[in-house]
Amino acid sequence: MQTYKHRQTGKLMLYTFGAAAVFTAALLAGAAPGSERIVAGAALGLLLLFLLLFWSLTVVVTSRDLVVSFGIGLIRRTILIQDIRDAQVVRNPWYYGWGIRLTPRGWLYNVSGFDAVELELKNNRRFRIGTDEPQKLLDAIQQSRL
């Protein structure tokens, strides 16, 4: 049974990748046939792929597991609730950035902002989930652990 589901849009990622895609499309339209056109087309394709993959972060908590997925869902991480030893609300320093990062505090999945929930797993690893609803996410995790 699903107890929590939230999708956070990465507005900065949308604006950044979107603006870069529009700029690249304009370059592609004005490029002469040949290698410039191929490079611009490949760059546009990559930008659109990144946009699809990282435009949002969805977190779903059930009584069995916690699933964190980016964009259209190809990039995801599933953690069994029984593998979570503890969870707490934390604040990421600005230099942790956004996207998928290996930080000194473990892996971080984040699309926007600095608030997160840090999971301490039974294997002594840590995993951070960036969210604009840290207390609601923490409450859902704690409720699932009961």
Protein backbone atom coordinates (compact mmCIF):
# COMPACT_ATOMS: atom_id res chain seq x y z
CA MET A 1 0.00 0.00 0.00
CA GLN A 2 1.36 3.40 -1.04
CA THR A 3 1.67 5.79 1.88
CA TYR A 4 3.49 8.68 0.20
CA LYS A 5 4.14 9.90 -3.33
CA HIS A 6 5.64 13.21 -4.32
CA ARG A 7 7.15 14.55 -7.53
CA GLN A 8 9.45 17.55 -7.29
CA THR A 9 10.19 19.44 -10.49
CA GLY A 10 13.76 20.56 -11.00
CA LYS A 11 12.99 24.04 -12.30
CA LEU A 12 16.65 25.02 -12.60
CA MET A 13 17.35 21.86 -14.61
CA LEU A 14 14.30 22.48 -16.82
CA TYR A 15 15.34 26.06 -17.49
CA THR A 16 19.02 25.25 -18.00
CA PHE A 17 18.59 22.23 -20.27
CA GLY A 18 15.62 23.87 -22.01
CA ALA A 19 17.51 27.09 -22.77
CA ALA A 20 20.55 25.12 -23.94
CA ALA A 21 18.32 22.98 -26.18
CA VAL A 22 16.68 26.07 -27.73
CA PHE A 23 20.09 27.66 -28.31
CA THR A 24 21.44 24.44 -29.83
CA ALA A 25 18.36 24.07 -32.05
CA ALA A 26 18.97 27.62 -33.32
CA LEU A 27 22.58 26.71 -34.09
CA LEU A 28 21.40 23.56 -35.84
CA ALA A 29 18.95 25.54 -37.97
CA GLY A 30 21.70 27.90 -39.10
CA ALA A 31 24.43 25.31 -39.49
CA ALA A 32 25.71 24.43 -42.93
CA PRO A 33 25.40 20.81 -43.99
CA GLY A 34 28.33 18.74 -42.79
CA SER A 35 30.15 18.15 -39.54
CA GLU A 36 28.79 21.28 -37.79
CA ARG A 37 25.25 20.07 -38.36
CA ILE A 38 26.09 16.59 -37.05
CA VAL A 39 27.71 17.96 -33.89
CA ALA A 40 24.83 20.38 -33.22
CA GLY A 41 22.30 17.59 -33.82
CA ALA A 42 24.10 15.23 -31.45
CA ALA A 43 24.34 17.96 -28.80
CA LEU A 44 20.63 18.70 -29.15
CA GLY A 45 19.82 15.00 -28.82
CA LEU A 46 21.90 14.72 -25.64
CA LEU A 47 20.31 17.83 -24.12
CA LEU A 48 16.82 16.49 -24.81
CA LEU A 49 17.79 13.12 -23.33
CA PHE A 50 19.11 14.78 -20.16
CA LEU A 51 15.93 16.85 -19.97
CA LEU A 52 13.79 13.68 -20.09
CA LEU A 53 15.97 11.87 -17.57
CA PHE A 54 16.40 14.62 -14.96
CA TRP A 55 13.43 17.03 -15.12
CA SER A 56 11.94 15.75 -11.86
CA LEU A 57 12.48 13.52 -8.84
CA THR A 58 9.66 11.24 -7.69
CA VAL A 59 9.67 9.56 -4.28
CA VAL A 60 7.23 6.77 -3.44
CA VAL A 61 7.05 5.18 0.02
CA THR A 62 5.08 1.99 0.60
CA SER A 63 4.95 -0.39 3.53
CA ARG A 64 7.56 -2.51 1.73
CA ASP A 65 9.97 -0.13 0.00
CA LEU A 66 11.05 3.37 -0.91
CA VAL A 67 11.57 4.18 -4.59
CA VAL A 68 13.36 7.31 -5.82
CA SER A 69 13.25 7.94 -9.57
CA PHE A 70 14.38 10.71 -11.87
CA GLY A 71 12.40 12.07 -14.82
CA ILE A 72 10.69 9.38 -16.87
CA GLY A 73 11.83 6.70 -14.42
CA LEU A 74 14.76 5.05 -16.17
CA ILE A 75 17.10 6.11 -13.37
CA ARG A 76 15.82 4.84 -10.04
CA ARG A 77 16.84 3.44 -6.71
CA THR A 78 14.76 1.10 -4.58
CA ILE A 79 15.45 0.63 -0.88
CA LEU A 80 13.60 -1.89 1.24
CA ILE A 81 12.00 -0.32 4.30
CA GLN A 82 13.41 -3.15 6.44
CA ASP A 83 16.94 -2.07 5.38
CA ILE A 84 16.53 1.43 6.87
CA ARG A 85 18.02 1.77 10.35
CA ASP A 86 17.30 5.46 10.82
CA ALA A 87 16.20 8.58 8.91
CA GLN A 88 16.53 12.28 9.60
CA VAL A 89 15.94 15.64 7.95
CA VAL A 90 19.21 17.28 6.86
CA ARG A 91 20.35 20.29 4.87
CA ASN A 92 22.84 19.81 2.04
CA PRO A 93 25.64 22.33 1.57
CA TRP A 94 25.39 24.26 -1.71
CA TYR A 95 28.43 22.49 -3.15
CA TYR A 96 26.69 19.08 -3.07
CA GLY A 97 24.81 20.29 -6.15
CA TRP A 98 21.96 18.58 -7.99
CA GLY A 99 21.57 15.34 -9.87
CA ILE A 100 23.20 12.12 -8.71
CA ARG A 101 26.22 12.77 -6.52
CA LEU A 102 28.53 10.77 -4.32
CA THR A 103 29.07 13.00 -1.29
CA PRO A 104 31.04 12.50 1.92
CA ARG A 105 27.67 11.50 3.46
CA GLY A 106 26.85 8.87 0.79
CA TRP A 107 24.85 9.03 -2.44
CA LEU A 108 22.55 12.00 -3.04
CA TYR A 109 19.62 12.17 -5.48
CA ASN A 110 18.46 15.79 -5.80
CA VAL A 111 16.81 18.04 -8.41
CA SER A 112 16.37 21.28 -6.50
CA GLY A 113 17.00 22.99 -3.19
CA PHE A 114 19.11 22.01 -0.21
CA ASP A 115 16.68 20.12 2.06
CA ALA A 116 16.92 16.34 2.16
CA VAL A 117 16.18 13.23 4.16
CA GLU A 118 19.22 11.15 5.01
CA LEU A 119 18.72 7.42 5.37
CA GLU A 120 21.09 5.39 7.47
CA LEU A 121 20.96 1.84 6.16
CA LYS A 122 21.62 -1.33 8.10
CA ASN A 123 24.75 -1.96 6.00
CA ASN A 124 26.14 1.33 7.49
CA ARG A 125 25.79 3.21 4.21
CA ARG A 126 23.93 6.48 3.88
CA PHE A 127 21.65 7.76 1.14
CA ARG A 128 20.21 11.27 0.81
CA ILE A 129 17.01 12.18 -0.99
CA GLY A 130 16.61 15.84 -1.87
CA THR A 131 13.05 17.07 -1.35
CA ASP A 132 10.95 20.17 -0.88
CA GLU A 133 8.86 18.20 1.67
CA PRO A 134 11.47 16.84 4.09
CA GLN A 135 9.21 16.46 7.12
CA LYS A 136 6.40 14.77 5.16
CA LEU A 137 8.87 12.33 3.61
CA LEU A 138 10.44 11.58 6.99
CA ASP A 139 7.00 11.01 8.54
CA ALA A 140 6.06 8.60 5.73
CA ILE A 141 9.31 6.64 6.15
CA GLN A 142 8.89 6.42 9.92
CA GLN A 143 5.26 5.34 9.55
CA SER A 144 6.27 2.59 7.10
CA ARG A 145 8.92 1.33 9.49
CA LEU A 146 6.32 0.64 12.24
